[in-house]
Amino acid sequence: MSFHPRITYALLALGTVLLGLFSRSSVLEHNHFIVMYVGDSLWALLVYWLVRFLLPKKSYWLSAIVALLFSFSIEVSQLYQADWINAIRHTRLGGLVLGFGFQWTDLVAYSVGIAFGATLDYPLRNGSKESKT
């Protein structure tokens, strides 16, 4: 089976979006842990898959670092509370991408999501190299 990185990462990103939307659904709203942490981990996992989609030939370590820097930057940007950016945050897409308020626990959730992605990515990449030999 041949490995097409961009198709694979696009499908993983799509699956992550669907899981993220499900984690925010009313079906799971009673589960505090899922509402508070899993969505943030899935958001960061999505960022990782998108970085891999854009840079498929780069190492998963570099992709993880880029995804972490991006995710942490978005979280730190939440300390900035100007009217114009808060107006963006109050749209559905703006709220999902930019978030609302800084929380240290979000940094942990982002780290977990990206580490999970890199852990899944390693056998994907190495398995594809082995199948070509």
N, C-alpha and C. Protein backbone atom coordinates (compact mmCIF):
# COMPACT_ATOMS: atom_id res chain seq x y z
N MET A 1 0.85 -1.18 0.00
CA MET A 1 0.00 0.00 0.00
C MET A 1 0.89 1.23 0.00
N SER A 2 0.63 2.16 -0.89
CA SER A 2 1.45 3.36 -0.94
C SER A 2 0.92 4.41 0.03
N PHE A 3 1.83 5.23 0.48
CA PHE A 3 1.53 6.26 1.47
C PHE A 3 1.54 7.61 0.78
N HIS A 4 0.42 8.28 0.76
CA HIS A 4 0.31 9.62 0.20
C HIS A 4 0.14 10.58 1.37
N PRO A 5 1.24 11.23 1.78
CA PRO A 5 1.20 12.02 3.01
C PRO A 5 0.10 13.07 3.06
N ARG A 6 -0.05 13.85 2.03
CA ARG A 6 -1.04 14.94 2.10
C ARG A 6 -2.46 14.41 2.21
N ILE A 7 -2.77 13.35 1.48
CA ILE A 7 -4.10 12.76 1.58
C ILE A 7 -4.31 12.20 2.99
N THR A 8 -3.31 11.50 3.49
CA THR A 8 -3.40 10.93 4.84
C THR A 8 -3.61 12.01 5.88
N TYR A 9 -2.80 13.08 5.82
CA TYR A 9 -2.91 14.14 6.82
C TYR A 9 -4.22 14.91 6.67
N ALA A 10 -4.71 15.07 5.46
CA ALA A 10 -6.00 15.74 5.26
C ALA A 10 -7.13 14.91 5.88
N LEU A 11 -7.08 13.60 5.69
CA LEU A 11 -8.10 12.73 6.28
C LEU A 11 -8.02 12.71 7.80
N LEU A 12 -6.79 12.70 8.32
CA LEU A 12 -6.62 12.76 9.77
C LEU A 12 -7.14 14.08 10.33
N ALA A 13 -6.88 15.17 9.61
CA ALA A 13 -7.38 16.49 10.04
C ALA A 13 -8.91 16.49 10.03
N LEU A 14 -9.51 15.96 8.99
CA LEU A 14 -10.97 15.91 8.90
C LEU A 14 -11.55 15.08 10.04
N GLY A 15 -10.95 13.93 10.29
CA GLY A 15 -11.41 13.09 11.40
C GLY A 15 -11.29 13.80 12.74
N THR A 16 -10.22 14.56 12.90
CA THR A 16 -10.01 15.31 14.14
C THR A 16 -11.06 16.41 14.29
N VAL A 17 -11.38 17.09 13.19
CA VAL A 17 -12.44 18.12 13.24
C VAL A 17 -13.76 17.49 13.67
N LEU A 18 -14.09 16.34 13.10
CA LEU A 18 -15.35 15.67 13.46
C LEU A 18 -15.36 15.26 14.93
N LEU A 19 -14.23 14.73 15.41
CA LEU A 19 -14.15 14.38 16.83
C LEU A 19 -14.26 15.63 17.71
N GLY A 20 -13.63 16.72 17.28
CA GLY A 20 -13.69 17.97 18.04
C GLY A 20 -15.10 18.51 18.12
N LEU A 21 -15.82 18.47 17.00
CA LEU A 21 -17.21 18.93 17.01
C LEU A 21 -18.07 18.04 17.91
N PHE A 22 -17.82 16.74 17.85
CA PHE A 22 -18.56 15.82 18.71
C PHE A 22 -18.26 16.09 20.18
N SER A 23 -16.99 16.43 20.49
CA SER A 23 -16.62 16.69 21.88
C SER A 23 -17.33 17.92 22.44
N ARG A 24 -17.80 18.79 21.56
CA ARG A 24 -18.52 20.00 21.97
C ARG A 24 -20.04 19.84 21.87
N SER A 25 -20.48 18.64 21.51
CA SER A 25 -21.92 18.43 21.32
C SER A 25 -22.63 18.26 22.66
N SER A 26 -23.93 18.38 22.62
CA SER A 26 -24.74 18.25 23.84
C SER A 26 -24.71 16.83 24.39
N VAL A 27 -24.33 15.87 23.56
CA VAL A 27 -24.25 14.48 24.01
C VAL A 27 -23.22 14.33 25.14
N LEU A 28 -22.14 15.11 25.05
CA LEU A 28 -21.05 14.98 26.02
C LEU A 28 -20.96 16.14 27.00
N GLU A 29 -21.91 17.05 26.98
CA GLU A 29 -21.80 18.26 27.79
C GLU A 29 -21.76 17.99 29.30
N HIS A 30 -22.24 16.84 29.74
CA HIS A 30 -22.23 16.51 31.16
C HIS A 30 -20.87 16.01 31.63
N ASN A 31 -19.97 15.68 30.71
CA ASN A 31 -18.65 15.18 31.08
C ASN A 31 -17.67 16.35 31.15
N HIS A 32 -17.38 16.80 32.35
CA HIS A 32 -16.55 17.98 32.58
C HIS A 32 -15.15 17.82 31.98
N PHE A 33 -14.54 16.64 32.14
CA PHE A 33 -13.19 16.41 31.63
C PHE A 33 -13.14 16.58 30.12
N ILE A 34 -14.08 15.98 29.42
CA ILE A 34 -14.10 16.08 27.96
C ILE A 34 -14.31 17.52 27.52
N VAL A 35 -15.26 18.20 28.14
CA VAL A 35 -15.55 19.58 27.77
C VAL A 35 -14.34 20.48 28.02
N MET A 36 -13.66 20.27 29.14
CA MET A 36 -12.56 21.17 29.53
C MET A 36 -11.24 20.88 28.82
N TYR A 37 -10.93 19.61 28.54
CA TYR A 37 -9.58 19.28 28.09
C TYR A 37 -9.50 18.59 26.74
N VAL A 38 -10.41 17.69 26.45
CA VAL A 38 -10.30 16.90 25.21
C VAL A 38 -10.43 17.79 23.98
N GLY A 39 -11.35 18.74 24.01
CA GLY A 39 -11.51 19.64 22.87
C GLY A 39 -10.23 20.42 22.58
N ASP A 40 -9.56 20.90 23.63
CA ASP A 40 -8.30 21.63 23.44
C ASP A 40 -7.20 20.72 22.89
N SER A 41 -7.16 19.49 23.37
CA SER A 41 -6.17 18.54 22.85
C SER A 41 -6.44 18.23 21.38
N LEU A 42 -7.71 18.08 21.03
CA LEU A 42 -8.07 17.82 19.64
C LEU A 42 -7.77 19.02 18.75
N TRP A 43 -7.98 20.23 19.28
CA TRP A 43 -7.65 21.44 18.52
C TRP A 43 -6.16 21.44 18.18
N ALA A 44 -5.32 21.15 19.17
CA ALA A 44 -3.87 21.13 18.94
C ALA A 44 -3.48 19.97 18.01
N LEU A 45 -4.16 18.84 18.13
CA LEU A 45 -3.91 17.73 17.22
C LEU A 45 -4.23 18.14 15.79
N LEU A 46 -5.32 18.87 15.60
CA LEU A 46 -5.66 19.39 14.28
C LEU A 46 -4.55 20.30 13.75
N VAL A 47 -4.04 21.17 14.60
CA VAL A 47 -2.93 22.05 14.20
C VAL A 47 -1.75 21.20 13.74
N TYR A 48 -1.44 20.13 14.49
CA TYR A 48 -0.33 19.25 14.11
C TYR A 48 -0.57 18.63 12.73
N TRP A 49 -1.78 18.09 12.50
CA TRP A 49 -2.07 17.47 11.18
C TRP A 49 -1.98 18.50 10.06
N LEU A 50 -2.41 19.73 10.32
CA LEU A 50 -2.33 20.77 9.29
C LEU A 50 -0.88 21.15 9.00
N VAL A 51 -0.05 21.19 10.02
CA VAL A 51 1.38 21.44 9.80
C VAL A 51 1.98 20.31 8.97
N ARG A 52 1.61 19.07 9.30
CA ARG A 52 2.12 17.92 8.53
C ARG A 52 1.63 17.99 7.08
N PHE A 53 0.38 18.43 6.88
CA PHE A 53 -0.16 18.58 5.53
C PHE A 53 0.66 19.61 4.75
N LEU A 54 1.01 20.71 5.39
CA LEU A 54 1.77 21.77 4.71
C LEU A 54 3.24 21.42 4.54
N LEU A 55 3.80 20.65 5.46
CA LEU A 55 5.23 20.31 5.44
C LEU A 55 5.42 18.80 5.55
N PRO A 56 4.93 18.03 4.58
CA PRO A 56 4.94 16.57 4.73
C PRO A 56 6.33 15.94 4.73
N LYS A 57 7.31 16.63 4.17
CA LYS A 57 8.65 16.03 4.10
C LYS A 57 9.52 16.38 5.30
N LYS A 58 9.04 17.27 6.14
CA LYS A 58 9.80 17.65 7.34
C LYS A 58 9.60 16.59 8.42
N SER A 59 10.50 16.59 9.39
CA SER A 59 10.41 15.59 10.46
C SER A 59 9.19 15.85 11.34
N TYR A 60 8.73 14.79 11.96
CA TYR A 60 7.60 14.96 12.86
C TYR A 60 7.99 15.79 14.08
N TRP A 61 9.27 15.76 14.46
CA TRP A 61 9.72 16.60 15.58
C TRP A 61 9.58 18.08 15.23
N LEU A 62 10.03 18.46 14.04
CA LEU A 62 9.91 19.86 13.63
C LEU A 62 8.44 20.25 13.53
N SER A 63 7.63 19.37 13.00
CA SER A 63 6.19 19.64 12.90
C SER A 63 5.58 19.82 14.28
N ALA A 64 5.99 19.00 15.23
CA ALA A 64 5.47 19.13 16.60
C ALA A 64 5.88 20.46 17.22
N ILE A 65 7.11 20.87 16.99
CA ILE A 65 7.58 22.16 17.53
C ILE A 65 6.81 23.32 16.90
N VAL A 66 6.62 23.28 15.58
CA VAL A 66 5.87 24.34 14.90
C VAL A 66 4.43 24.38 15.43
N ALA A 67 3.81 23.21 15.56
CA ALA A 67 2.43 23.16 16.07
C ALA A 67 2.35 23.67 17.51
N LEU A 68 3.33 23.32 18.33
CA LEU A 68 3.35 23.82 19.71
C LEU A 68 3.52 25.33 19.75
N LEU A 69 4.45 25.85 18.96
CA LEU A 69 4.66 27.30 18.93
C LEU A 69 3.40 28.03 18.48
N PHE A 70 2.75 27.52 17.46
CA PHE A 70 1.51 28.13 16.98
C PHE A 70 0.43 28.08 18.06
N SER A 71 0.24 26.91 18.64
CA SER A 71 -0.81 26.73 19.65
C SER A 71 -0.56 27.60 20.87
N PHE A 72 0.68 27.61 21.34
CA PHE A 72 1.01 28.43 22.50
C PHE A 72 0.85 29.91 22.18
N SER A 73 1.20 30.31 20.95
CA SER A 73 1.05 31.71 20.55
C SER A 73 -0.42 32.13 20.57
N ILE A 74 -1.29 31.27 20.07
CA ILE A 74 -2.72 31.57 20.10
C ILE A 74 -3.20 31.71 21.54
N GLU A 75 -2.74 30.81 22.40
CA GLU A 75 -3.17 30.87 23.81
C GLU A 75 -2.69 32.16 24.48
N VAL A 76 -1.42 32.51 24.26
CA VAL A 76 -0.87 33.74 24.86
C VAL A 76 -1.58 34.96 24.28
N SER A 77 -1.99 34.90 23.01
CA SER A 77 -2.69 36.04 22.40
C SER A 77 -4.02 36.32 23.11
N GLN A 78 -4.53 35.35 23.85
CA GLN A 78 -5.78 35.55 24.56
C GLN A 78 -5.64 36.51 25.74
N LEU A 79 -4.40 36.83 26.09
CA LEU A 79 -4.18 37.85 27.12
C LEU A 79 -4.48 39.25 26.58
N TYR A 80 -4.46 39.38 25.26
CA TYR A 80 -4.76 40.65 24.60
C TYR A 80 -6.27 40.74 24.39
N GLN A 81 -6.89 41.77 24.91
CA GLN A 81 -8.35 41.86 24.92
C GLN A 81 -8.87 43.15 24.28
N ALA A 82 -8.39 43.49 23.09
CA ALA A 82 -8.90 44.68 22.39
C ALA A 82 -10.28 44.38 21.81
N ASP A 83 -11.06 45.43 21.61
CA ASP A 83 -12.43 45.27 21.10
C ASP A 83 -12.46 44.57 19.75
N TRP A 84 -11.54 44.91 18.84
CA TRP A 84 -11.58 44.35 17.50
C TRP A 84 -11.33 42.84 17.51
N ILE A 85 -10.39 42.37 18.34
CA ILE A 85 -10.11 40.93 18.35
C ILE A 85 -11.18 40.19 19.15
N ASN A 86 -11.74 40.83 20.15
CA ASN A 86 -12.85 40.21 20.88
C ASN A 86 -14.08 40.05 20.00
N ALA A 87 -14.28 40.99 19.07
CA ALA A 87 -15.39 40.86 18.11
C ALA A 87 -15.19 39.63 17.24
N ILE A 88 -13.95 39.37 16.83
CA ILE A 88 -13.64 38.16 16.04
C ILE A 88 -13.86 36.92 16.90
N ARG A 89 -13.40 36.97 18.15
CA ARG A 89 -13.55 35.83 19.05
C ARG A 89 -15.02 35.47 19.30
N HIS A 90 -15.91 36.43 19.18
CA HIS A 90 -17.32 36.17 19.45
C HIS A 90 -18.07 35.62 18.24
N THR A 91 -17.36 35.36 17.14
CA THR A 91 -17.94 34.59 16.04
C THR A 91 -17.63 33.12 16.31
N ARG A 92 -18.39 32.23 15.72
CA ARG A 92 -18.16 30.79 15.96
C ARG A 92 -16.75 30.38 15.54
N LEU A 93 -16.35 30.72 14.32
CA LEU A 93 -15.03 30.34 13.83
C LEU A 93 -13.93 31.05 14.62
N GLY A 94 -14.11 32.32 14.88
CA GLY A 94 -13.11 33.07 15.65
C GLY A 94 -12.92 32.51 17.04
N GLY A 95 -14.01 32.11 17.67
CA GLY A 95 -13.93 31.50 19.00
C GLY A 95 -13.22 30.16 18.98
N LEU A 96 -13.49 29.36 17.95
CA LEU A 96 -12.83 28.06 17.84
C LEU A 96 -11.34 28.20 17.58
N VAL A 97 -10.96 29.16 16.74
CA VAL A 97 -9.55 29.33 16.38
C VAL A 97 -8.79 30.10 17.45
N LEU A 98 -9.34 31.21 17.90
CA LEU A 98 -8.60 32.11 18.79
C LEU A 98 -8.87 31.89 20.27
N GLY A 99 -9.96 31.23 20.61
CA GLY A 99 -10.28 31.04 22.02
C GLY A 99 -10.71 32.33 22.68
N PHE A 100 -10.93 32.27 23.99
CA PHE A 100 -11.48 33.43 24.70
C PHE A 100 -10.59 33.94 25.83
N GLY A 101 -10.04 33.06 26.63
CA GLY A 101 -9.26 33.50 27.78
C GLY A 101 -8.10 32.57 28.04
N PHE A 102 -7.00 33.14 28.46
CA PHE A 102 -5.79 32.36 28.73
C PHE A 102 -5.99 31.43 29.92
N GLN A 103 -5.57 30.18 29.74
CA GLN A 103 -5.57 29.20 30.83
C GLN A 103 -4.32 28.34 30.71
N TRP A 104 -3.61 28.21 31.82
CA TRP A 104 -2.40 27.38 31.83
C TRP A 104 -2.73 25.94 31.45
N THR A 105 -3.87 25.44 31.86
CA THR A 105 -4.23 24.05 31.56
C THR A 105 -4.38 23.82 30.06
N ASP A 106 -4.71 24.86 29.31
CA ASP A 106 -4.80 24.70 27.86
C ASP A 106 -3.43 24.36 27.26
N LEU A 107 -2.37 24.94 27.82
CA LEU A 107 -1.02 24.64 27.32
C LEU A 107 -0.70 23.16 27.52
N VAL A 108 -1.14 22.60 28.63
CA VAL A 108 -0.94 21.17 28.88
C VAL A 108 -1.76 20.35 27.89
N ALA A 109 -3.01 20.74 27.69
CA ALA A 109 -3.88 20.02 26.74
C ALA A 109 -3.30 20.08 25.33
N TYR A 110 -2.77 21.23 24.93
CA TYR A 110 -2.15 21.35 23.60
C TYR A 110 -0.95 20.42 23.49
N SER A 111 -0.14 20.38 24.53
CA SER A 111 1.04 19.51 24.52
C SER A 111 0.65 18.05 24.39
N VAL A 112 -0.40 17.66 25.10
CA VAL A 112 -0.88 16.27 25.03
C VAL A 112 -1.38 15.95 23.62
N GLY A 113 -2.17 16.84 23.03
CA GLY A 113 -2.70 16.60 21.69
C GLY A 113 -1.61 16.49 20.65
N ILE A 114 -0.62 17.36 20.72
CA ILE A 114 0.47 17.34 19.74
C ILE A 114 1.37 16.13 19.96
N ALA A 115 1.64 15.79 21.21
CA ALA A 115 2.43 14.58 21.49
C ALA A 115 1.71 13.34 20.98
N PHE A 116 0.40 13.30 21.13
CA PHE A 116 -0.39 12.18 20.61
C PHE A 116 -0.26 12.09 19.10
N GLY A 117 -0.36 13.24 18.42
CA GLY A 117 -0.22 13.26 16.97
C GLY A 117 1.15 12.80 16.51
N ALA A 118 2.20 13.29 17.16
CA ALA A 118 3.56 12.88 16.79
C ALA A 118 3.77 11.40 17.05
N THR A 119 3.17 10.89 18.12
CA THR A 119 3.28 9.47 18.44
C THR A 119 2.57 8.62 17.38
N LEU A 120 1.42 9.07 16.91
CA LEU A 120 0.73 8.36 15.82
C LEU A 120 1.46 8.51 14.49
N ASP A 121 2.06 9.66 14.30
CA ASP A 121 2.73 9.98 13.04
C ASP A 121 3.99 9.13 12.83
N TYR A 122 4.70 8.86 13.89
CA TYR A 122 5.97 8.13 13.78
C TYR A 122 5.80 6.78 13.07
N PRO A 123 4.87 5.91 13.50
CA PRO A 123 4.71 4.65 12.76
C PRO A 123 4.13 4.84 11.36
N LEU A 124 3.32 5.89 11.16
CA LEU A 124 2.81 6.17 9.81
C LEU A 124 3.97 6.42 8.86
N ARG A 125 4.88 7.28 9.28
CA ARG A 125 6.02 7.64 8.44
C ARG A 125 6.98 6.47 8.27
N ASN A 126 7.31 5.81 9.36
CA ASN A 126 8.27 4.71 9.27
C ASN A 126 7.68 3.50 8.58
N GLY A 127 6.40 3.26 8.77
CA GLY A 127 5.74 2.15 8.08
C GLY A 127 5.73 2.35 6.58
N SER A 128 5.59 3.60 6.13
CA SER A 128 5.57 3.87 4.70
C SER A 128 6.95 3.69 4.09
N LYS A 129 8.00 3.98 4.86
CA LYS A 129 9.37 3.79 4.35
C LYS A 129 9.69 2.31 4.23
N GLU A 130 9.23 1.51 5.21
CA GLU A 130 9.50 0.08 5.18
C GLU A 130 8.77 -0.59 4.03
N SER A 131 7.56 -0.12 3.71
CA SER A 131 6.78 -0.76 2.65
C SER A 131 7.36 -0.50 1.27
N LYS A 132 8.22 0.52 1.14
CA LYS A 132 8.83 0.83 -0.15
C LYS A 132 10.09 0.02 -0.40
N THR A 133 10.63 -0.61 0.63
CA THR A 133 11.86 -1.38 0.44
C THR A 133 11.58 -2.82 0.12
